[in-house]
Amino acid sequence: MTTVRFDLPTPEADTLEFWEAAKAERLLIRRCGDCGAFSYYPRPFCPTCWSENVHWHEASGDATLYTWSVIHSNDQPIFRDRVPYVAAIVDLAEGPRMMTNIVDTPFEDLAVGMAVRVRFMPISDDFTIPVFAPV
């Protein structure tokens, strides 16, 4: 019997390149060729002007902490060994907001507006996820 891992992404046509880049420690976001807007999460259209003229852009990896929550309990077996952890939303330097985790900092040092930078955390042999840590 195969065990299903609910903590692993399910790459699709619109996200495959994102996951491949993350494994290579590159953060990709979308940029619209018509209006120039950046967007995240990966999707086949621009959420600003609805154009389908979007392409991948390597993000700087710089961001600021918008909000966070320290997770002390998670009933899902795959997450029990990870608590406590920080679930966060960061504002990427290019503009979009991104849901992520903050790593390598004491919880009491977290502050709205603090500068953070992308890091990459392998979560399996096949997947690496972008996380953020203070600059």
C-alpha atoms as a PDB file:
ATOM      1  CA  MET A   1       0.000   0.000   0.000  1.00  0.00           C
ATOM      2  CA  THR A   2       1.323   3.426  -0.981  1.00  0.00           C
ATOM      3  CA  THR A   3       1.328   6.127   1.665  1.00  0.00           C
ATOM      4  CA  VAL A   4      -0.031   9.448   0.434  1.00  0.00           C
ATOM      5  CA  ARG A   5       2.017  12.447   1.558  1.00  0.00           C
ATOM      6  CA  PHE A   6      -0.275  15.433   2.070  1.00  0.00           C
ATOM      7  CA  ASP A   7       2.660  17.734   2.736  1.00  0.00           C
ATOM      8  CA  LEU A   8       4.052  17.422  -0.788  1.00  0.00           C
ATOM      9  CA  PRO A   9       3.030  19.641  -3.698  1.00  0.00           C
ATOM     10  CA  THR A  10       1.129  18.313  -6.678  1.00  0.00           C
ATOM     11  CA  PRO A  11       2.862  19.849  -9.694  1.00  0.00           C
ATOM     12  CA  GLU A  12       0.645  20.690 -12.643  1.00  0.00           C
ATOM     13  CA  ALA A  13       1.409  22.187 -16.034  1.00  0.00           C
ATOM     14  CA  ASP A  14       1.239  25.749 -14.651  1.00  0.00           C
ATOM     15  CA  THR A  15       3.500  25.012 -11.664  1.00  0.00           C
ATOM     16  CA  LEU A  16       6.020  22.421 -12.852  1.00  0.00           C
ATOM     17  CA  GLU A  17       8.669  24.993 -13.781  1.00  0.00           C
ATOM     18  CA  PHE A  18       8.208  26.709 -10.382  1.00  0.00           C
ATOM     19  CA  TRP A  19       8.939  23.439  -8.522  1.00  0.00           C
ATOM     20  CA  GLU A  20      11.907  22.609 -10.756  1.00  0.00           C
ATOM     21  CA  ALA A  21      13.372  26.071 -10.104  1.00  0.00           C
ATOM     22  CA  ALA A  22      12.809  25.749  -6.343  1.00  0.00           C
ATOM     23  CA  LYS A  23      14.754  22.498  -6.353  1.00  0.00           C
ATOM     24  CA  ALA A  24      17.570  24.464  -8.048  1.00  0.00           C
ATOM     25  CA  GLU A  25      17.200  27.163  -5.329  1.00  0.00           C
ATOM     26  CA  ARG A  26      15.625  29.770  -7.580  1.00  0.00           C
ATOM     27  CA  LEU A  27      12.370  31.556  -6.745  1.00  0.00           C
ATOM     28  CA  LEU A  28      10.149  32.100  -9.775  1.00  0.00           C
ATOM     29  CA  ILE A  29       7.107  34.349  -9.972  1.00  0.00           C
ATOM     30  CA  ARG A  30       4.978  35.357 -12.954  1.00  0.00           C
ATOM     31  CA  ARG A  31       5.264  38.653 -14.809  1.00  0.00           C
ATOM     32  CA  CYS A  32       2.710  39.962 -17.268  1.00  0.00           C
ATOM     33  CA  GLY A  33       4.062  40.909 -20.674  1.00  0.00           C
ATOM     34  CA  ASP A  34       1.174  43.335 -21.204  1.00  0.00           C
ATOM     35  CA  CYS A  35       0.801  45.336 -17.975  1.00  0.00           C
ATOM     36  CA  GLY A  36       4.104  44.402 -16.283  1.00  0.00           C
ATOM     37  CA  ALA A  37       2.482  43.235 -13.036  1.00  0.00           C
ATOM     38  CA  PHE A  38       4.146  40.496 -11.023  1.00  0.00           C
ATOM     39  CA  SER A  39       2.034  37.729  -9.507  1.00  0.00           C
ATOM     40  CA  TYR A  40       2.293  34.783  -7.208  1.00  0.00           C
ATOM     41  CA  TYR A  41       0.909  31.987  -7.016  1.00  0.00           C
ATOM     42  CA  PRO A  42       1.681  30.492 -10.437  1.00  0.00           C
ATOM     43  CA  ARG A  43      -1.297  30.674 -12.816  1.00  0.00           C
ATOM     44  CA  PRO A  44      -1.728  30.947 -16.579  1.00  0.00           C
ATOM     45  CA  PHE A  45      -3.042  34.529 -16.576  1.00  0.00           C
ATOM     46  CA  CYS A  46      -2.366  37.934 -15.041  1.00  0.00           C
ATOM     47  CA  PRO A  47      -4.667  38.641 -12.076  1.00  0.00           C
ATOM     48  CA  THR A  48      -4.333  42.390 -12.750  1.00  0.00           C
ATOM     49  CA  CYS A  49      -5.352  42.645 -16.427  1.00  0.00           C
ATOM     50  CA  TRP A  50      -6.355  39.031 -17.183  1.00  0.00           C
ATOM     51  CA  SER A  51      -3.842  38.743 -20.020  1.00  0.00           C
ATOM     52  CA  GLU A  52      -2.522  35.282 -20.802  1.00  0.00           C
ATOM     53  CA  ASN A  53       0.800  36.857 -21.829  1.00  0.00           C
ATOM     54  CA  VAL A  54       2.584  35.842 -18.625  1.00  0.00           C
ATOM     55  CA  HIS A  55       6.082  34.464 -18.272  1.00  0.00           C
ATOM     56  CA  TRP A  56       8.402  33.313 -15.508  1.00  0.00           C
ATOM     57  CA  HIS A  57      10.620  35.851 -13.778  1.00  0.00           C
ATOM     58  CA  GLU A  58      13.325  35.057 -11.239  1.00  0.00           C
ATOM     59  CA  ALA A  59      12.440  36.972  -8.077  1.00  0.00           C
ATOM     60  CA  SER A  60      15.109  38.723  -6.033  1.00  0.00           C
ATOM     61  CA  GLY A  61      14.253  36.657  -2.962  1.00  0.00           C
ATOM     62  CA  ASP A  62      13.950  39.794  -0.830  1.00  0.00           C
ATOM     63  CA  ALA A  63      10.750  40.319   1.147  1.00  0.00           C
ATOM     64  CA  THR A  64       9.239  41.854   4.264  1.00  0.00           C
ATOM     65  CA  LEU A  65       7.202  40.031   6.866  1.00  0.00           C
ATOM     66  CA  TYR A  66       3.528  41.002   6.548  1.00  0.00           C
ATOM     67  CA  THR A  67       2.012  38.717   9.204  1.00  0.00           C
ATOM     68  CA  TRP A  68       2.624  35.380  10.905  1.00  0.00           C
ATOM     69  CA  SER A  69       1.304  32.815  13.331  1.00  0.00           C
ATOM     70  CA  VAL A  70       3.284  30.408  15.483  1.00  0.00           C
ATOM     71  CA  ILE A  71       1.765  26.957  15.075  1.00  0.00           C
ATOM     72  CA  HIS A  72       2.117  24.988  18.317  1.00  0.00           C
ATOM     73  CA  SER A  73      -0.247  22.134  17.494  1.00  0.00           C
ATOM     74  CA  ASN A  74      -1.132  20.405  14.249  1.00  0.00           C
ATOM     75  CA  ASP A  75      -3.269  17.270  14.282  1.00  0.00           C
ATOM     76  CA  GLN A  76      -2.016  16.034  10.933  1.00  0.00           C
ATOM     77  CA  PRO A  77       0.536  13.256  11.564  1.00  0.00           C
ATOM     78  CA  ILE A  78       2.937  14.569   8.926  1.00  0.00           C
ATOM     79  CA  PHE A  79       3.179  17.921  10.729  1.00  0.00           C
ATOM     80  CA  ARG A  80       3.322  16.764  14.378  1.00  0.00           C
ATOM     81  CA  ASP A  81       7.126  16.520  14.373  1.00  0.00           C
ATOM     82  CA  ARG A  82       7.468  19.997  12.859  1.00  0.00           C
ATOM     83  CA  VAL A  83       5.743  22.013  15.602  1.00  0.00           C
ATOM     84  CA  PRO A  84       6.281  24.671  16.640  1.00  0.00           C
ATOM     85  CA  TYR A  85       6.748  26.448  13.320  1.00  0.00           C
ATOM     86  CA  VAL A  86       5.934  29.850  11.848  1.00  0.00           C
ATOM     87  CA  ALA A  87       3.304  30.118   9.118  1.00  0.00           C
ATOM     88  CA  ALA A  88       3.687  33.521   7.498  1.00  0.00           C
ATOM     89  CA  ILE A  89       2.789  35.832   4.669  1.00  0.00           C
ATOM     90  CA  VAL A  90       5.573  37.922   3.183  1.00  0.00           C
ATOM     91  CA  ASP A  91       5.497  40.789   0.710  1.00  0.00           C
ATOM     92  CA  LEU A  92       7.985  40.009  -2.046  1.00  0.00           C
ATOM     93  CA  ALA A  93      10.132  42.948  -3.209  1.00  0.00           C
ATOM     94  CA  GLU A  94       8.445  42.654  -6.611  1.00  0.00           C
ATOM     95  CA  GLY A  95       5.002  43.201  -5.028  1.00  0.00           C
ATOM     96  CA  PRO A  96       3.091  39.928  -4.634  1.00  0.00           C
ATOM     97  CA  ARG A  97       2.306  38.382  -1.269  1.00  0.00           C
ATOM     98  CA  MET A  98       3.422  34.831  -0.632  1.00  0.00           C
ATOM     99  CA  MET A  99       2.405  32.298   1.995  1.00  0.00           C
ATOM    100  CA  THR A 100       5.489  30.605   3.476  1.00  0.00           C
ATOM    101  CA  ASN A 101       7.324  29.666   6.654  1.00  0.00           C
ATOM    102  CA  ILE A 102       9.832  31.743   8.601  1.00  0.00           C
ATOM    103  CA  VAL A 103      12.847  29.760   9.792  1.00  0.00           C
ATOM    104  CA  ASP A 104      15.971  30.238  11.893  1.00  0.00           C
ATOM    105  CA  THR A 105      14.737  32.982  14.195  1.00  0.00           C
ATOM    106  CA  PRO A 106      13.347  33.069  17.737  1.00  0.00           C
ATOM    107  CA  PHE A 107       9.595  33.660  17.686  1.00  0.00           C
ATOM    108  CA  GLU A 108       9.934  36.698  19.960  1.00  0.00           C
ATOM    109  CA  ASP A 109      12.181  38.399  17.360  1.00  0.00           C
ATOM    110  CA  LEU A 110       9.507  38.377  14.641  1.00  0.00           C
ATOM    111  CA  ALA A 111       8.132  41.797  13.732  1.00  0.00           C
ATOM    112  CA  VAL A 112       5.854  43.166  11.043  1.00  0.00           C
ATOM    113  CA  GLY A 113       7.968  44.798   8.358  1.00  0.00           C
ATOM    114  CA  MET A 114      11.174  42.923   9.169  1.00  0.00           C
ATOM    115  CA  ALA A 115      13.405  42.171   6.195  1.00  0.00           C
ATOM    116  CA  VAL A 116      13.547  38.512   5.212  1.00  0.00           C
ATOM    117  CA  ARG A 117      15.248  36.621   2.413  1.00  0.00           C
ATOM    118  CA  VAL A 118      14.350  33.403   0.661  1.00  0.00           C
ATOM    119  CA  ARG A 119      16.037  30.130   1.538  1.00  0.00           C
ATOM    120  CA  PHE A 120      15.250  26.703   0.215  1.00  0.00           C
ATOM    121  CA  MET A 121      14.299  23.710   2.326  1.00  0.00           C
ATOM    122  CA  PRO A 122      14.214  20.183   0.878  1.00  0.00           C
ATOM    123  CA  ILE A 123      11.106  18.342   2.090  1.00  0.00           C
ATOM    124  CA  SER A 124      11.654  15.127   0.104  1.00  0.00           C
ATOM    125  CA  ASP A 125      14.009  13.756  -2.514  1.00  0.00           C
ATOM    126  CA  ASP A 126      11.873  15.393  -5.194  1.00  0.00           C
ATOM    127  CA  PHE A 127      10.701  18.677  -3.636  1.00  0.00           C
ATOM    128  CA  THR A 128      12.279  21.784  -2.187  1.00  0.00           C
ATOM    129  CA  ILE A 129      10.158  24.631  -0.862  1.00  0.00           C
ATOM    130  CA  PRO A 130      10.952  28.316  -0.539  1.00  0.00           C
ATOM    131  CA  VAL A 131      11.020  29.518   3.065  1.00  0.00           C
ATOM    132  CA  PHE A 132      12.255  32.807   4.493  1.00  0.00           C
ATOM    133  CA  ALA A 133      14.665  33.882   7.229  1.00  0.00           C
ATOM    134  CA  PRO A 134      15.613  37.292   8.626  1.00  0.00           C
ATOM    135  CA  VAL A 135      18.301  39.168   6.715  1.00  0.00           C
END
